[in-house]
Protein backbone atom coordinates (compact mmCIF):
# COMPACT_ATOMS: atom_id res chain seq x y z
CA MET A 1 -18.35 -0.12 10.00
CA SER A 2 -18.10 -3.81 10.85
CA LYS A 3 -16.53 -4.99 14.11
CA ASN A 4 -14.10 -7.17 12.16
CA PRO A 5 -12.44 -4.93 9.57
CA LYS A 6 -11.50 -6.76 6.41
CA GLU A 7 -8.95 -6.02 3.73
CA ILE A 8 -10.40 -3.56 1.25
CA LYS A 9 -9.19 -2.39 -2.13
CA ILE A 10 -8.82 1.38 -2.45
CA GLU A 11 -8.04 3.82 -5.24
CA GLU A 12 -4.78 5.74 -5.73
CA GLN A 13 -6.44 9.03 -4.74
CA ASP A 14 -7.59 7.43 -1.47
CA PHE A 15 -4.02 6.41 -0.75
CA GLN A 16 -2.81 9.93 -1.56
CA TYR A 17 -5.36 11.31 0.90
CA ILE A 18 -4.24 8.92 3.65
CA ILE A 19 -0.53 9.69 3.28
CA GLY A 20 -0.97 13.43 2.79
CA GLU A 21 1.87 15.78 1.88
CA SER A 22 4.58 13.11 1.93
CA TYR A 23 2.84 10.95 -0.72
CA SER A 24 5.13 11.85 -3.66
CA PHE A 25 8.30 11.39 -1.61
CA LEU A 26 7.07 8.11 -0.12
CA MET A 27 6.03 6.65 -3.45
CA ALA A 28 9.34 7.58 -5.08
CA LYS A 29 11.11 5.60 -2.36
CA VAL A 30 8.66 2.70 -1.97
CA LEU A 31 7.84 1.70 -5.54
CA SER A 32 11.47 1.14 -6.49
CA ASN A 33 12.47 -0.52 -3.22
CA CYS A 34 10.65 -3.86 -3.15
CA PHE A 35 11.88 -7.43 -2.72
CA CYS A 36 11.08 -9.96 -5.45
CA MET A 37 10.71 -13.61 -4.48
CA ASN A 38 11.22 -14.63 -8.13
CA CYS A 39 14.43 -12.70 -8.78
CA LEU A 40 15.99 -13.64 -5.39
CA ASP A 41 19.05 -11.52 -6.15
CA GLY A 42 19.01 -9.39 -3.03
CA LYS A 43 18.50 -6.22 -5.06
CA ALA A 44 15.68 -3.73 -4.78
CA HIS A 45 13.07 -4.08 -7.51
CA THR A 46 10.26 -1.88 -8.76
CA ILE A 47 6.62 -2.86 -8.32
CA THR A 48 4.33 -2.06 -11.26
CA ALA A 49 0.66 -2.58 -12.13
CA TYR A 50 -0.21 -2.62 -8.45
CA ASP A 51 -3.50 -2.56 -6.58
CA ILE A 52 -3.76 -0.91 -3.18
CA PHE A 53 -5.42 -2.42 -0.12
CA ILE A 54 -5.98 -1.46 3.52
CA ASP A 55 -5.59 -4.47 5.80
CA SER A 56 -7.28 -5.20 9.11
CA SER A 57 -4.48 -3.49 11.10
CA HIS A 58 -4.84 -0.32 8.96
CA GLY A 59 -1.64 -0.99 7.02
CA ILE A 60 -1.36 -0.44 3.28
CA ILE A 61 -0.58 -3.34 0.96
CA LEU A 62 0.57 -2.87 -2.62
CA ARG A 63 0.11 -6.00 -4.77
CA GLY A 64 1.51 -5.96 -8.27
CA LEU A 65 4.23 -7.21 -10.58
CA CYS A 66 8.01 -7.05 -10.59
CA LYS A 67 9.24 -4.72 -13.33
CA ASP A 68 12.19 -7.05 -14.05
CA CYS A 69 10.64 -10.53 -14.17
CA ASN A 70 6.89 -9.78 -14.25
CA GLY A 71 6.40 -12.06 -11.23
CA LYS A 72 3.89 -11.28 -8.49
CA MET A 73 5.18 -9.08 -5.69
CA GLY A 74 3.84 -7.08 -2.80
CA ARG A 75 4.88 -4.34 -0.43
CA TYR A 76 3.50 -3.64 3.03
CA LEU A 77 3.47 -0.11 4.44
CA LYS A 78 2.86 0.36 8.12
CA THR A 79 0.37 3.20 8.44
CA GLY A 80 -2.28 4.21 10.90
CA GLU A 81 0.07 4.86 13.81
CA ALA A 82 -0.25 8.63 13.47
CA LEU A 83 -3.69 9.80 14.57
CA GLU A 84 -4.10 11.93 11.46
CA GLU A 85 -3.40 8.95 9.16
CA LEU A 86 -5.63 6.68 11.23
CA GLY A 87 -8.51 9.15 10.98
CA ARG A 88 -8.13 9.26 7.20
CA ILE A 89 -7.93 5.47 6.97
CA LEU A 90 -11.13 5.14 8.97
CA GLU A 91 -12.83 7.66 6.64
CA ILE A 92 -11.76 5.65 3.59
CA ARG A 93 -12.92 2.38 5.20
CA GLU A 94 -16.31 3.97 5.83
CA LYS A 95 -16.46 5.08 2.17
CA TYR A 96 -16.12 1.46 0.99
CA ASN A 97 -18.44 -0.13 3.56
């Protein structure tokens, strides 16, 4: 692994592995609770057609489109604080390096 971890794109099954048992619950809450810079109506919006990335601080970034306006949107999930999650993230990073 490099000394300077970069943002890497991962697959849905990798994300499921990182999150573990709470994946379904988390995704039900997260996907439909995003802020859209295009809609600017203060309401929660749903992200669709998203790609998943791990950033340099071991967080998860979802980048996709707003279901309502089709504008670009993203969602950041703070992960890697729990040792179990961090271990899985490091395994996935190694897989893509």
